[in-house]
Amino acid sequence: PRFAEIFKARHPQVRLFQDSVANVRAICDS
């Protein structure tokens, strides 16, 4: 969560999923 917060501030134009890569198929579908 802390890294995600900093990432969002630095790269607001990038779609960020705060999740595990174990869920990458569902993330890609989304």
mmCIF file of all heavy atoms, coordinates in Angstrom:
data_MODEL
# 
_entry.id   MODEL 
# 
loop_
_atom_site.group_PDB 
_atom_site.id 
_atom_site.type_symbol 
_atom_site.label_atom_id 
_atom_site.label_alt_id 
_atom_site.label_comp_id 
_atom_site.label_asym_id 
_atom_site.label_entity_id 
_atom_site.label_seq_id 
_atom_site.pdbx_PDB_ins_code 
_atom_site.Cartn_x 
_atom_site.Cartn_y 
_atom_site.Cartn_z 
_atom_site.occupancy 
_atom_site.B_iso_or_equiv 
_atom_site.pdbx_formal_charge 
_atom_site.auth_seq_id 
_atom_site.auth_comp_id 
_atom_site.auth_asym_id 
_atom_site.auth_atom_id 
_atom_site.pdbx_PDB_model_num 
ATOM 1   N N   . PRO A 1 1  ? 0.797   -1.225  0.000   1.00 0.00 ? 1  PRO A N   1 
ATOM 2   C CA  . PRO A 1 1  ? 0.000   0.000   0.000   1.00 0.00 ? 1  PRO A CA  1 
ATOM 3   C C   . PRO A 1 1  ? 0.836   1.286   0.000   1.00 0.00 ? 1  PRO A C   1 
ATOM 4   O O   . PRO A 1 1  ? 0.487   2.248   -0.682  1.00 0.00 ? 1  PRO A O   1 
ATOM 5   C CB  . PRO A 1 1  ? -0.838  -0.075  1.280   1.00 0.00 ? 1  PRO A CB  1 
ATOM 6   C CG  . PRO A 1 1  ? -0.697  -1.449  1.797   1.00 0.00 ? 1  PRO A CG  1 
ATOM 7   C CD  . PRO A 1 1  ? 0.504   -2.068  1.163   1.00 0.00 ? 1  PRO A CD  1 
ATOM 8   N N   . ARG A 1 2  ? 1.923   1.292   0.728   1.00 0.00 ? 2  ARG A N   1 
ATOM 9   C CA  . ARG A 1 2  ? 2.765   2.498   0.786   1.00 0.00 ? 2  ARG A CA  1 
ATOM 10  C C   . ARG A 1 2  ? 3.426   2.750   -0.570  1.00 0.00 ? 2  ARG A C   1 
ATOM 11  O O   . ARG A 1 2  ? 3.449   3.877   -1.053  1.00 0.00 ? 2  ARG A O   1 
ATOM 12  C CB  . ARG A 1 2  ? 3.824   2.350   1.892   1.00 0.00 ? 2  ARG A CB  1 
ATOM 13  C CG  . ARG A 1 2  ? 4.741   3.535   2.005   1.00 0.00 ? 2  ARG A CG  1 
ATOM 14  C CD  . ARG A 1 2  ? 4.014   4.784   2.533   1.00 0.00 ? 2  ARG A CD  1 
ATOM 15  N NE  . ARG A 1 2  ? 4.946   5.895   2.544   1.00 0.00 ? 2  ARG A NE  1 
ATOM 16  C CZ  . ARG A 1 2  ? 4.712   7.075   2.012   1.00 0.00 ? 2  ARG A CZ  1 
ATOM 17  N NH1 . ARG A 1 2  ? 3.556   7.338   1.447   1.00 0.00 ? 2  ARG A NH1 1 
ATOM 18  N NH2 . ARG A 1 2  ? 5.612   8.022   2.071   1.00 0.00 ? 2  ARG A NH2 1 
ATOM 19  N N   . PHE A 1 3  ? 3.979   1.705   -1.173  1.00 0.00 ? 3  PHE A N   1 
ATOM 20  C CA  . PHE A 1 3  ? 4.571   1.859   -2.502  1.00 0.00 ? 3  PHE A CA  1 
ATOM 21  C C   . PHE A 1 3  ? 3.517   2.287   -3.516  1.00 0.00 ? 3  PHE A C   1 
ATOM 22  O O   . PHE A 1 3  ? 3.776   3.122   -4.381  1.00 0.00 ? 3  PHE A O   1 
ATOM 23  C CB  . PHE A 1 3  ? 5.230   0.560   -2.962  1.00 0.00 ? 3  PHE A CB  1 
ATOM 24  C CG  . PHE A 1 3  ? 6.510   0.212   -2.261  1.00 0.00 ? 3  PHE A CG  1 
ATOM 25  C CD1 . PHE A 1 3  ? 7.002   -1.079  -2.314  1.00 0.00 ? 3  PHE A CD1 1 
ATOM 26  C CD2 . PHE A 1 3  ? 7.233   1.149   -1.534  1.00 0.00 ? 3  PHE A CD2 1 
ATOM 27  C CE1 . PHE A 1 3  ? 8.182   -1.430  -1.678  1.00 0.00 ? 3  PHE A CE1 1 
ATOM 28  C CE2 . PHE A 1 3  ? 8.412   0.820   -0.892  1.00 0.00 ? 3  PHE A CE2 1 
ATOM 29  C CZ  . PHE A 1 3  ? 8.891   -0.476  -0.969  1.00 0.00 ? 3  PHE A CZ  1 
ATOM 30  N N   . ALA A 1 4  ? 2.326   1.698   -3.422  1.00 0.00 ? 4  ALA A N   1 
ATOM 31  C CA  . ALA A 1 4  ? 1.246   2.041   -4.355  1.00 0.00 ? 4  ALA A CA  1 
ATOM 32  C C   . ALA A 1 4  ? 0.886   3.521   -4.254  1.00 0.00 ? 4  ALA A C   1 
ATOM 33  O O   . ALA A 1 4  ? 0.661   4.186   -5.268  1.00 0.00 ? 4  ALA A O   1 
ATOM 34  C CB  . ALA A 1 4  ? 0.020   1.169   -4.093  1.00 0.00 ? 4  ALA A CB  1 
ATOM 35  N N   . GLU A 1 5  ? 0.860   4.046   -3.052  1.00 0.00 ? 5  GLU A N   1 
ATOM 36  C CA  . GLU A 1 5  ? 0.554   5.460   -2.839  1.00 0.00 ? 5  GLU A CA  1 
ATOM 37  C C   . GLU A 1 5  ? 1.609   6.353   -3.500  1.00 0.00 ? 5  GLU A C   1 
ATOM 38  O O   . GLU A 1 5  ? 1.274   7.317   -4.201  1.00 0.00 ? 5  GLU A O   1 
ATOM 39  C CB  . GLU A 1 5  ? 0.501   5.724   -1.330  1.00 0.00 ? 5  GLU A CB  1 
ATOM 40  C CG  . GLU A 1 5  ? 0.134   7.128   -0.934  1.00 0.00 ? 5  GLU A CG  1 
ATOM 41  C CD  . GLU A 1 5  ? 0.147   7.286   0.587   1.00 0.00 ? 5  GLU A CD  1 
ATOM 42  O OE1 . GLU A 1 5  ? -0.312  6.371   1.293   1.00 0.00 ? 5  GLU A OE1 1 
ATOM 43  O OE2 . GLU A 1 5  ? 0.631   8.334   1.050   1.00 0.00 ? 5  GLU A OE2 1 
ATOM 44  N N   . ILE A 1 6  ? 2.868   6.028   -3.296  1.00 0.00 ? 6  ILE A N   1 
ATOM 45  C CA  . ILE A 1 6  ? 3.953   6.808   -3.902  1.00 0.00 ? 6  ILE A CA  1 
ATOM 46  C C   . ILE A 1 6  ? 3.913   6.669   -5.422  1.00 0.00 ? 6  ILE A C   1 
ATOM 47  O O   . ILE A 1 6  ? 4.073   7.654   -6.155  1.00 0.00 ? 6  ILE A O   1 
ATOM 48  C CB  . ILE A 1 6  ? 5.316   6.359   -3.339  1.00 0.00 ? 6  ILE A CB  1 
ATOM 49  C CG1 . ILE A 1 6  ? 5.399   6.682   -1.845  1.00 0.00 ? 6  ILE A CG1 1 
ATOM 50  C CG2 . ILE A 1 6  ? 6.466   7.019   -4.093  1.00 0.00 ? 6  ILE A CG2 1 
ATOM 51  C CD1 . ILE A 1 6  ? 6.563   6.013   -1.121  1.00 0.00 ? 6  ILE A CD1 1 
ATOM 52  N N   . PHE A 1 7  ? 3.686   5.439   -5.895  1.00 0.00 ? 7  PHE A N   1 
ATOM 53  C CA  . PHE A 1 7  ? 3.618   5.190   -7.341  1.00 0.00 ? 7  PHE A CA  1 
ATOM 54  C C   . PHE A 1 7  ? 2.525   6.050   -7.978  1.00 0.00 ? 7  PHE A C   1 
ATOM 55  O O   . PHE A 1 7  ? 2.753   6.684   -9.003  1.00 0.00 ? 7  PHE A O   1 
ATOM 56  C CB  . PHE A 1 7  ? 3.359   3.707   -7.615  1.00 0.00 ? 7  PHE A CB  1 
ATOM 57  C CG  . PHE A 1 7  ? 3.326   3.364   -9.071  1.00 0.00 ? 7  PHE A CG  1 
ATOM 58  C CD1 . PHE A 1 7  ? 4.478   2.958   -9.721  1.00 0.00 ? 7  PHE A CD1 1 
ATOM 59  C CD2 . PHE A 1 7  ? 2.150   3.462   -9.801  1.00 0.00 ? 7  PHE A CD2 1 
ATOM 60  C CE1 . PHE A 1 7  ? 4.461   2.656   -11.072 1.00 0.00 ? 7  PHE A CE1 1 
ATOM 61  C CE2 . PHE A 1 7  ? 2.116   3.159   -11.144 1.00 0.00 ? 7  PHE A CE2 1 
ATOM 62  C CZ  . PHE A 1 7  ? 3.281   2.751   -11.788 1.00 0.00 ? 7  PHE A CZ  1 
ATOM 63  N N   . LYS A 1 8  ? 1.343   6.055   -7.381  1.00 0.00 ? 8  LYS A N   1 
ATOM 64  C CA  . LYS A 1 8  ? 0.218   6.826   -7.927  1.00 0.00 ? 8  LYS A CA  1 
ATOM 65  C C   . LYS A 1 8  ? 0.541   8.315   -7.993  1.00 0.00 ? 8  LYS A C   1 
ATOM 66  O O   . LYS A 1 8  ? 0.164   8.996   -8.946  1.00 0.00 ? 8  LYS A O   1 
ATOM 67  C CB  . LYS A 1 8  ? -1.045  6.615   -7.092  1.00 0.00 ? 8  LYS A CB  1 
ATOM 68  C CG  . LYS A 1 8  ? -1.671  5.257   -7.273  1.00 0.00 ? 8  LYS A CG  1 
ATOM 69  C CD  . LYS A 1 8  ? -2.877  5.115   -6.351  1.00 0.00 ? 8  LYS A CD  1 
ATOM 70  C CE  . LYS A 1 8  ? -3.326  3.689   -6.233  1.00 0.00 ? 8  LYS A CE  1 
ATOM 71  N NZ  . LYS A 1 8  ? -4.410  3.526   -5.273  1.00 0.00 ? 8  LYS A NZ  1 
ATOM 72  N N   . ALA A 1 9  ? 1.245   8.819   -6.985  1.00 0.00 ? 9  ALA A N   1 
ATOM 73  C CA  . ALA A 1 9  ? 1.621   10.235  -6.983  1.00 0.00 ? 9  ALA A CA  1 
ATOM 74  C C   . ALA A 1 9  ? 2.635   10.527  -8.090  1.00 0.00 ? 9  ALA A C   1 
ATOM 75  O O   . ALA A 1 9  ? 2.564   11.580  -8.736  1.00 0.00 ? 9  ALA A O   1 
ATOM 76  C CB  . ALA A 1 9  ? 2.190   10.630  -5.622  1.00 0.00 ? 9  ALA A CB  1 
ATOM 77  N N   . ARG A 1 10 ? 3.557   9.623   -8.324  1.00 0.00 ? 10 ARG A N   1 
ATOM 78  C CA  . ARG A 1 10 ? 4.599   9.827   -9.339  1.00 0.00 ? 10 ARG A CA  1 
ATOM 79  C C   . ARG A 1 10 ? 4.125   9.538   -10.754 1.00 0.00 ? 10 ARG A C   1 
ATOM 80  O O   . ARG A 1 10 ? 4.638   10.115  -11.710 1.00 0.00 ? 10 ARG A O   1 
ATOM 81  C CB  . ARG A 1 10 ? 5.808   8.938   -9.038  1.00 0.00 ? 10 ARG A CB  1 
ATOM 82  C CG  . ARG A 1 10 ? 6.588   9.383   -7.848  1.00 0.00 ? 10 ARG A CG  1 
ATOM 83  C CD  . ARG A 1 10 ? 7.841   8.545   -7.683  1.00 0.00 ? 10 ARG A CD  1 
ATOM 84  N NE  . ARG A 1 10 ? 8.586   9.001   -6.519  1.00 0.00 ? 10 ARG A NE  1 
ATOM 85  C CZ  . ARG A 1 10 ? 9.588   8.350   -5.980  1.00 0.00 ? 10 ARG A CZ  1 
ATOM 86  N NH1 . ARG A 1 10 ? 9.988   7.208   -6.500  1.00 0.00 ? 10 ARG A NH1 1 
ATOM 87  N NH2 . ARG A 1 10 ? 10.202  8.837   -4.921  1.00 0.00 ? 10 ARG A NH2 1 
ATOM 88  N N   . HIS A 1 11 ? 3.191   8.608   -10.891 1.00 0.00 ? 11 HIS A N   1 
ATOM 89  C CA  . HIS A 1 11 ? 2.734   8.171   -12.214 1.00 0.00 ? 11 HIS A CA  1 
ATOM 90  C C   . HIS A 1 11 ? 1.206   8.118   -12.256 1.00 0.00 ? 11 HIS A C   1 
ATOM 91  O O   . HIS A 1 11 ? 0.623   7.040   -12.438 1.00 0.00 ? 11 HIS A O   1 
ATOM 92  C CB  . HIS A 1 11 ? 3.321   6.793   -12.546 1.00 0.00 ? 11 HIS A CB  1 
ATOM 93  C CG  . HIS A 1 11 ? 4.806   6.750   -12.517 1.00 0.00 ? 11 HIS A CG  1 
ATOM 94  N ND1 . HIS A 1 11 ? 5.583   7.261   -13.535 1.00 0.00 ? 11 HIS A ND1 1 
ATOM 95  C CD2 . HIS A 1 11 ? 5.667   6.288   -11.574 1.00 0.00 ? 11 HIS A CD2 1 
ATOM 96  C CE1 . HIS A 1 11 ? 6.853   7.097   -13.225 1.00 0.00 ? 11 HIS A CE1 1 
ATOM 97  N NE2 . HIS A 1 11 ? 6.932   6.519   -12.041 1.00 0.00 ? 11 HIS A NE2 1 
ATOM 98  N N   . PRO A 1 12 ? 0.550   9.272   -12.096 1.00 0.00 ? 12 PRO A N   1 
ATOM 99  C CA  . PRO A 1 12 ? -0.918  9.259   -12.033 1.00 0.00 ? 12 PRO A CA  1 
ATOM 100 C C   . PRO A 1 12 ? -1.586  8.780   -13.326 1.00 0.00 ? 12 PRO A C   1 
ATOM 101 O O   . PRO A 1 12 ? -2.732  8.337   -13.302 1.00 0.00 ? 12 PRO A O   1 
ATOM 102 C CB  . PRO A 1 12 ? -1.272  10.719  -11.732 1.00 0.00 ? 12 PRO A CB  1 
ATOM 103 C CG  . PRO A 1 12 ? -0.095  11.499  -12.203 1.00 0.00 ? 12 PRO A CG  1 
ATOM 104 C CD  . PRO A 1 12 ? 1.099   10.615  -11.998 1.00 0.00 ? 12 PRO A CD  1 
ATOM 105 N N   . GLN A 1 13 ? -0.878  8.836   -14.428 1.00 0.00 ? 13 GLN A N   1 
ATOM 106 C CA  . GLN A 1 13 ? -1.443  8.434   -15.711 1.00 0.00 ? 13 GLN A CA  1 
ATOM 107 C C   . GLN A 1 13 ? -1.374  6.928   -15.954 1.00 0.00 ? 13 GLN A C   1 
ATOM 108 O O   . GLN A 1 13 ? -1.968  6.425   -16.901 1.00 0.00 ? 13 GLN A O   1 
ATOM 109 C CB  . GLN A 1 13 ? -0.738  9.196   -16.847 1.00 0.00 ? 13 GLN A CB  1 
ATOM 110 C CG  . GLN A 1 13 ? 0.722   8.863   -17.023 1.00 0.00 ? 13 GLN A CG  1 
ATOM 111 C CD  . GLN A 1 13 ? 1.680   9.451   -15.981 1.00 0.00 ? 13 GLN A CD  1 
ATOM 112 O OE1 . GLN A 1 13 ? 1.304   9.927   -14.924 1.00 0.00 ? 13 GLN A OE1 1 
ATOM 113 N NE2 . GLN A 1 13 ? 2.962   9.382   -16.290 1.00 0.00 ? 13 GLN A NE2 1 
ATOM 114 N N   . VAL A 1 14 ? -0.677  6.194   -15.084 1.00 0.00 ? 14 VAL A N   1 
ATOM 115 C CA  . VAL A 1 14 ? -0.539  4.746   -15.243 1.00 0.00 ? 14 VAL A CA  1 
ATOM 116 C C   . VAL A 1 14 ? -1.613  4.036   -14.425 1.00 0.00 ? 14 VAL A C   1 
ATOM 117 O O   . VAL A 1 14 ? -1.832  4.357   -13.260 1.00 0.00 ? 14 VAL A O   1 
ATOM 118 C CB  . VAL A 1 14 ? 0.866   4.264   -14.790 1.00 0.00 ? 14 VAL A CB  1 
ATOM 119 C CG1 . VAL A 1 14 ? 0.961   2.742   -14.847 1.00 0.00 ? 14 VAL A CG1 1 
ATOM 120 C CG2 . VAL A 1 14 ? 1.950   4.896   -15.651 1.00 0.00 ? 14 VAL A CG2 1 
ATOM 121 N N   . ARG A 1 15 ? -2.257  3.055   -15.042 1.00 0.00 ? 15 ARG A N   1 
ATOM 122 C CA  . ARG A 1 15 ? -3.277  2.272   -14.339 1.00 0.00 ? 15 ARG A CA  1 
ATOM 123 C C   . ARG A 1 15 ? -2.576  1.321   -13.377 1.00 0.00 ? 15 ARG A C   1 
ATOM 124 O O   . ARG A 1 15 ? -1.812  0.445   -13.797 1.00 0.00 ? 15 ARG A O   1 
ATOM 125 C CB  . ARG A 1 15 ? -4.114  1.494   -15.350 1.00 0.00 ? 15 ARG A CB  1 
ATOM 126 C CG  . ARG A 1 15 ? -5.284  0.816   -14.696 1.00 0.00 ? 15 ARG A CG  1 
ATOM 127 C CD  . ARG A 1 15 ? -6.433  0.683   -15.627 1.00 0.00 ? 15 ARG A CD  1 
ATOM 128 N NE  . ARG A 1 15 ? -7.576  0.183   -14.902 1.00 0.00 ? 15 ARG A NE  1 
ATOM 129 C CZ  . ARG A 1 15 ? -8.569  -0.458  -15.478 1.00 0.00 ? 15 ARG A CZ  1 
ATOM 130 N NH1 . ARG A 1 15 ? -8.580  -0.624  -16.777 1.00 0.00 ? 15 ARG A NH1 1 
ATOM 131 N NH2 . ARG A 1 15 ? -9.577  -0.883  -14.767 1.00 0.00 ? 15 ARG A NH2 1 
ATOM 132 N N   . LEU A 1 16 ? -2.807  1.520   -12.102 1.00 0.00 ? 16 LEU A N   1 
ATOM 133 C CA  . LEU A 1 16 ? -2.177  0.709   -11.062 1.00 0.00 ? 16 LEU A CA  1 
ATOM 134 C C   . LEU A 1 16 ? -3.221  -0.145  -10.371 1.00 0.00 ? 16 LEU A C   1 
ATOM 135 O O   . LEU A 1 16 ? -4.270  0.346   -9.957  1.00 0.00 ? 16 LEU A O   1 
ATOM 136 C CB  . LEU A 1 16 ? -1.483  1.596   -10.018 1.00 0.00 ? 16 LEU A CB  1 
ATOM 137 C CG  . LEU A 1 16 ? -0.847  0.840   -8.855  1.00 0.00 ? 16 LEU A CG  1 
ATOM 138 C CD1 . LEU A 1 16 ? 0.387   0.066   -9.323  1.00 0.00 ? 16 LEU A CD1 1 
ATOM 139 C CD2 . LEU A 1 16 ? -0.481  1.779   -7.727  1.00 0.00 ? 16 LEU A CD2 1 
ATOM 140 N N   . PHE A 1 17 ? -2.907  -1.428  -10.235 1.00 0.00 ? 17 PHE A N   1 
ATOM 141 C CA  . PHE A 1 17 ? -3.755  -2.355  -9.496  1.00 0.00 ? 17 PHE A CA  1 
ATOM 142 C C   . PHE A 1 17 ? -3.035  -2.706  -8.211  1.00 0.00 ? 17 PHE A C   1 
ATOM 143 O O   . PHE A 1 17 ? -1.929  -3.241  -8.247  1.00 0.00 ? 17 PHE A O   1 
ATOM 144 C CB  . PHE A 1 17 ? -4.027  -3.617  -10.319 1.00 0.00 ? 17 PHE A CB  1 
ATOM 145 C CG  . PHE A 1 17 ? -4.874  -3.374  -11.527 1.00 0.00 ? 17 PHE A CG  1 
ATOM 146 C CD1 . PHE A 1 17 ? -4.296  -2.952  -12.719 1.00 0.00 ? 17 PHE A CD1 1 
ATOM 147 C CD2 . PHE A 1 17 ? -6.244  -3.528  -11.467 1.00 0.00 ? 17 PHE A CD2 1 
ATOM 148 C CE1 . PHE A 1 17 ? -5.070  -2.708  -13.840 1.00 0.00 ? 17 PHE A CE1 1 
ATOM 149 C CE2 . PHE A 1 17 ? -7.037  -3.288  -12.576 1.00 0.00 ? 17 PHE A CE2 1 
ATOM 150 C CZ  . PHE A 1 17 ? -6.449  -2.866  -13.769 1.00 0.00 ? 17 PHE A CZ  1 
ATOM 151 N N   . GLN A 1 18 ? -3.654  -2.388  -7.086  1.00 0.00 ? 18 GLN A N   1 
ATOM 152 C CA  . GLN A 1 18 ? -3.067  -2.742  -5.799  1.00 0.00 ? 18 GLN A CA  1 
ATOM 153 C C   . GLN A 1 18 ? -3.546  -4.150  -5.478  1.00 0.00 ? 18 GLN A C   1 
ATOM 154 O O   . GLN A 1 18 ? -4.601  -4.360  -4.879  1.00 0.00 ? 18 GLN A O   1 
ATOM 155 C CB  . GLN A 1 18 ? -3.465  -1.751  -4.715  1.00 0.00 ? 18 GLN A CB  1 
ATOM 156 C CG  . GLN A 1 18 ? -2.652  -1.934  -3.459  1.00 0.00 ? 18 GLN A CG  1 
ATOM 157 C CD  . GLN A 1 18 ? -2.955  -0.894  -2.411  1.00 0.00 ? 18 GLN A CD  1 
ATOM 158 O OE1 . GLN A 1 18 ? -3.313  0.236   -2.725  1.00 0.00 ? 18 GLN A OE1 1 
ATOM 159 N NE2 . GLN A 1 18 ? -2.810  -1.283  -1.167  1.00 0.00 ? 18 GLN A NE2 1 
ATOM 160 N N   . ASP A 1 19 ? -2.737  -5.116  -5.906  1.00 0.00 ? 19 ASP A N   1 
ATOM 161 C CA  . ASP A 1 19 ? -3.150  -6.511  -5.867  1.00 0.00 ? 19 ASP A CA  1 
ATOM 162 C C   . ASP A 1 19 ? -1.905  -7.384  -5.996  1.00 0.00 ? 19 ASP A C   1 
ATOM 163 O O   . ASP A 1 19 ? -0.796  -6.879  -6.144  1.00 0.00 ? 19 ASP A O   1 
ATOM 164 C CB  . ASP A 1 19 ? -4.124  -6.778  -7.029  1.00 0.00 ? 19 ASP A CB  1 
ATOM 165 C CG  . ASP A 1 19 ? -5.025  -7.982  -6.811  1.00 0.00 ? 19 ASP A CG  1 
ATOM 166 O OD1 . ASP A 1 19 ? -4.677  -8.871  -5.996  1.00 0.00 ? 19 ASP A OD1 1 
ATOM 167 O OD2 . ASP A 1 19 ? -6.071  -8.058  -7.477  1.00 0.00 ? 19 ASP A OD2 1 
ATOM 168 N N   . SER A 1 20 ? -2.115  -8.676  -5.992  1.00 0.00 ? 20 SER A N   1 
ATOM 169 C CA  . SER A 1 20 ? -1.041  -9.646  -6.168  1.00 0.00 ? 20 SER A CA  1 
ATOM 170 C C   . SER A 1 20 ? -0.964  -10.081 -7.625  1.00 0.00 ? 20 SER A C   1 
ATOM 171 O O   . SER A 1 20 ? -2.005  -10.207 -8.290  1.00 0.00 ? 20 SER A O   1 
ATOM 172 C CB  . SER A 1 20 ? -1.306  -10.875 -5.295  1.00 0.00 ? 20 SER A CB  1 
ATOM 173 O OG  . SER A 1 20 ? -0.441  -11.933 -5.644  1.00 0.00 ? 20 SER A OG  1 
ATOM 174 N N   . VAL A 1 21 ? 0.245   -10.373 -8.103  1.00 0.00 ? 21 VAL A N   1 
ATOM 175 C CA  . VAL A 1 21 ? 0.374   -10.886 -9.465  1.00 0.00 ? 21 VAL A CA  1 
ATOM 176 C C   . VAL A 1 21 ? -0.241  -12.280 -9.582  1.00 0.00 ? 21 VAL A C   1 
ATOM 177 O O   . VAL A 1 21 ? -0.459  -12.757 -10.696 1.00 0.00 ? 21 VAL A O   1 
ATOM 178 C CB  . VAL A 1 21 ? 1.828   -10.874 -9.977  1.00 0.00 ? 21 VAL A CB  1 
ATOM 179 C CG1 . VAL A 1 21 ? 2.369   -9.470  -10.012 1.00 0.00 ? 21 VAL A CG1 1 
ATOM 180 C CG2 . VAL A 1 21 ? 2.712   -11.773 -9.161  1.00 0.00 ? 21 VAL A CG2 1 
ATOM 181 N N   . ALA A 1 22 ? -0.572  -12.915 -8.466  1.00 0.00 ? 22 ALA A N   1 
ATOM 182 C CA  . ALA A 1 22 ? -1.297  -14.184 -8.510  1.00 0.00 ? 22 ALA A CA  1 
ATOM 183 C C   . ALA A 1 22 ? -2.659  -13.989 -9.181  1.00 0.00 ? 22 ALA A C   1 
ATOM 184 O O   . ALA A 1 22 ? -3.249  -14.941 -9.690  1.00 0.00 ? 22 ALA A O   1 
ATOM 185 C CB  . ALA A 1 22 ? -1.482  -14.745 -7.105  1.00 0.00 ? 22 ALA A CB  1 
ATOM 186 N N   . ASN A 1 23 ? -3.130  -12.750 -9.227  1.00 0.00 ? 23 ASN A N   1 
ATOM 187 C CA  . ASN A 1 23 ? -4.426  -12.429 -9.833  1.00 0.00 ? 23 ASN A CA  1 
ATOM 188 C C   . ASN A 1 23 ? -4.279  -11.744 -11.183 1.00 0.00 ? 23 ASN A C   1 
ATOM 189 O O   . ASN A 1 23 ? -5.175  -11.037 -11.631 1.00 0.00 ? 23 ASN A O   1 
ATOM 190 C CB  . ASN A 1 23 ? -5.217  -11.539 -8.875  1.00 0.00 ? 23 ASN A CB  1 
ATOM 191 C CG  . ASN A 1 23 ? -5.441  -12.215 -7.548  1.00 0.00 ? 23 ASN A CG  1 
ATOM 192 O OD1 . ASN A 1 23 ? -5.760  -13.407 -7.497  1.00 0.00 ? 23 ASN A OD1 1 
ATOM 193 N ND2 . ASN A 1 23 ? -5.262  -11.486 -6.460  1.00 0.00 ? 23 ASN A ND2 1 
ATOM 194 N N   . VAL A 1 24 ? -3.153  -11.961 -11.848 1.00 0.00 ? 24 VAL A N   1 
ATOM 195 C CA  . VAL A 1 24 ? -2.860  -11.219 -13.077 1.00 0.00 ? 24 VAL A CA  1 
ATOM 196 C C   . VAL A 1 24 ? -3.897  -11.459 -14.182 1.00 0.00 ? 24 VAL A C   1 
ATOM 197 O O   . VAL A 1 24 ? -4.219  -10.547 -14.934 1.00 0.00 ? 24 VAL A O   1 
ATOM 198 C CB  . VAL A 1 24 ? -1.413  -11.470 -13.564 1.00 0.00 ? 24 VAL A CB  1 
ATOM 199 C CG1 . VAL A 1 24 ? -1.218  -12.900 -14.050 1.00 0.00 ? 24 VAL A CG1 1 
ATOM 200 C CG2 . VAL A 1 24 ? -1.023  -10.460 -14.637 1.00 0.00 ? 24 VAL A CG2 1 
ATOM 201 N N   . ARG A 1 25 ? -4.446  -12.654 -14.288 1.00 0.00 ? 25 ARG A N   1 
ATOM 202 C CA  . ARG A 1 25 ? -5.445  -12.903 -15.346 1.00 0.00 ? 25 ARG A CA  1 
ATOM 203 C C   . ARG A 1 25 ? -6.686  -12.034 -15.124 1.00 0.00 ? 25 ARG A C   1 
ATOM 204 O O   . ARG A 1 25 ? -7.174  -11.391 -16.051 1.00 0.00 ? 25 ARG A O   1 
ATOM 205 C CB  . ARG A 1 25 ? -5.830  -14.393 -15.376 1.00 0.00 ? 25 ARG A CB  1 
ATOM 206 C CG  . ARG A 1 25 ? -6.904  -14.788 -16.380 1.00 0.00 ? 25 ARG A CG  1 
ATOM 207 C CD  . ARG A 1 25 ? -6.446  -14.700 -17.836 1.00 0.00 ? 25 ARG A CD  1 
ATOM 208 N NE  . ARG A 1 25 ? -6.720  -13.380 -18.393 1.00 0.00 ? 25 ARG A NE  1 
ATOM 209 C CZ  . ARG A 1 25 ? -6.150  -12.879 -19.481 1.00 0.00 ? 25 ARG A CZ  1 
ATOM 210 N NH1 . ARG A 1 25 ? -5.271  -13.571 -20.161 1.00 0.00 ? 25 ARG A NH1 1 
ATOM 211 N NH2 . ARG A 1 25 ? -6.453  -11.679 -19.918 1.00 0.00 ? 25 ARG A NH2 1 
ATOM 212 N N   . ALA A 1 26 ? -7.178  -11.978 -13.904 1.00 0.00 ? 26 ALA A N   1 
ATOM 213 C CA  . ALA A 1 26 ? -8.346  -11.145 -13.590 1.00 0.00 ? 26 ALA A CA  1 
ATOM 214 C C   . ALA A 1 26 ? -8.006  -9.662  -13.757 1.00 0.00 ? 26 ALA A C   1 
ATOM 215 O O   . ALA A 1 26 ? -8.844  -8.879  -14.221 1.00 0.00 ? 26 ALA A O   1 
ATOM 216 C CB  . ALA A 1 26 ? -8.840  -11.423 -12.174 1.00 0.00 ? 26 ALA A CB  1 
ATOM 217 N N   . ILE A 1 27 ? -6.798  -9.283  -13.400 1.00 0.00 ? 27 ILE A N   1 
ATOM 218 C CA  . ILE A 1 27 ? -6.367  -7.892  -13.553 1.00 0.00 ? 27 ILE A CA  1 
ATOM 219 C C   . ILE A 1 27 ? -6.348  -7.516  -15.031 1.00 0.00 ? 27 ILE A C   1 
ATOM 220 O O   . ILE A 1 27 ? -6.846  -6.456  -15.420 1.00 0.00 ? 27 ILE A O   1 
ATOM 221 C CB  . ILE A 1 27 ? -4.985  -7.679  -12.891 1.00 0.00 ? 27 ILE A CB  1 
ATOM 222 C CG1 . ILE A 1 27 ? -5.128  -7.758  -11.370 1.00 0.00 ? 27 ILE A CG1 1 
ATOM 223 C CG2 . ILE A 1 27 ? -4.352  -6.366  -13.335 1.00 0.00 ? 27 ILE A CG2 1 
ATOM 224 C CD1 . ILE A 1 27 ? -3.804  -7.893  -10.629 1.00 0.00 ? 27 ILE A CD1 1 
ATOM 225 N N   . CYS A 1 28 ? -5.782  -8.380  -15.860 1.00 0.00 ? 28 CYS A N   1 
ATOM 226 C CA  . CYS A 1 28 ? -5.760  -8.115  -17.302 1.00 0.00 ? 28 CYS A CA  1 
ATOM 227 C C   . CYS A 1 28 ? -7.181  -8.035  -17.863 1.00 0.00 ? 28 CYS A C   1 
ATOM 228 O O   . CYS A 1 28 ? -7.479  -7.152  -18.677 1.00 0.00 ? 28 CYS A O   1 
ATOM 229 C CB  . CYS A 1 28 ? -4.949  -9.180  -18.038 1.00 0.00 ? 28 CYS A CB  1 
ATOM 230 S SG  . CYS A 1 28 ? -3.171  -8.989  -17.856 1.00 0.00 ? 28 CYS A SG  1 
ATOM 231 N N   . ASP A 1 29 ? -8.051  -8.927  -17.430 1.00 0.00 ? 29 ASP A N   1 
ATOM 232 C CA  . ASP A 1 29 ? -9.440  -8.888  -17.888 1.00 0.00 ? 29 ASP A CA  1 
ATOM 233 C C   . ASP A 1 29 ? -10.074 -7.552  -17.522 1.00 0.00 ? 29 ASP A C   1 
ATOM 234 O O   . ASP A 1 29 ? -10.754 -6.929  -18.347 1.00 0.00 ? 29 ASP A O   1 
ATOM 235 C CB  . ASP A 1 29 ? -10.246 -10.039 -17.277 1.00 0.00 ? 29 ASP A CB  1 
ATOM 236 C CG  . ASP A 1 29 ? -9.832  -11.398 -17.830 1.00 0.00 ? 29 ASP A CG  1 
ATOM 237 O OD1 . ASP A 1 29 ? -9.152  -11.457 -18.878 1.00 0.00 ? 29 ASP A OD1 1 
ATOM 238 O OD2 . ASP A 1 29 ? -10.179 -12.411 -17.183 1.00 0.00 ? 29 ASP A OD2 1 
ATOM 239 N N   . SER A 1 30 ? -9.831  -7.093  -16.320 1.00 0.00 ? 30 SER A N   1 
ATOM 240 C CA  . SER A 1 30 ? -10.365 -5.812  -15.852 1.00 0.00 ? 30 SER A CA  1 
ATOM 241 C C   . SER A 1 30 ? -9.819  -4.635  -16.667 1.00 0.00 ? 30 SER A C   1 
ATOM 242 O O   . SER A 1 30 ? -10.515 -3.658  -16.891 1.00 0.00 ? 30 SER A O   1 
ATOM 243 C CB  . SER A 1 30 ? -10.027 -5.618  -14.376 1.00 0.00 ? 30 SER A CB  1 
ATOM 244 O OG  . SER A 1 30 ? -10.377 -4.345  -13.932 1.00 0.00 ? 30 SER A OG  1 
# 
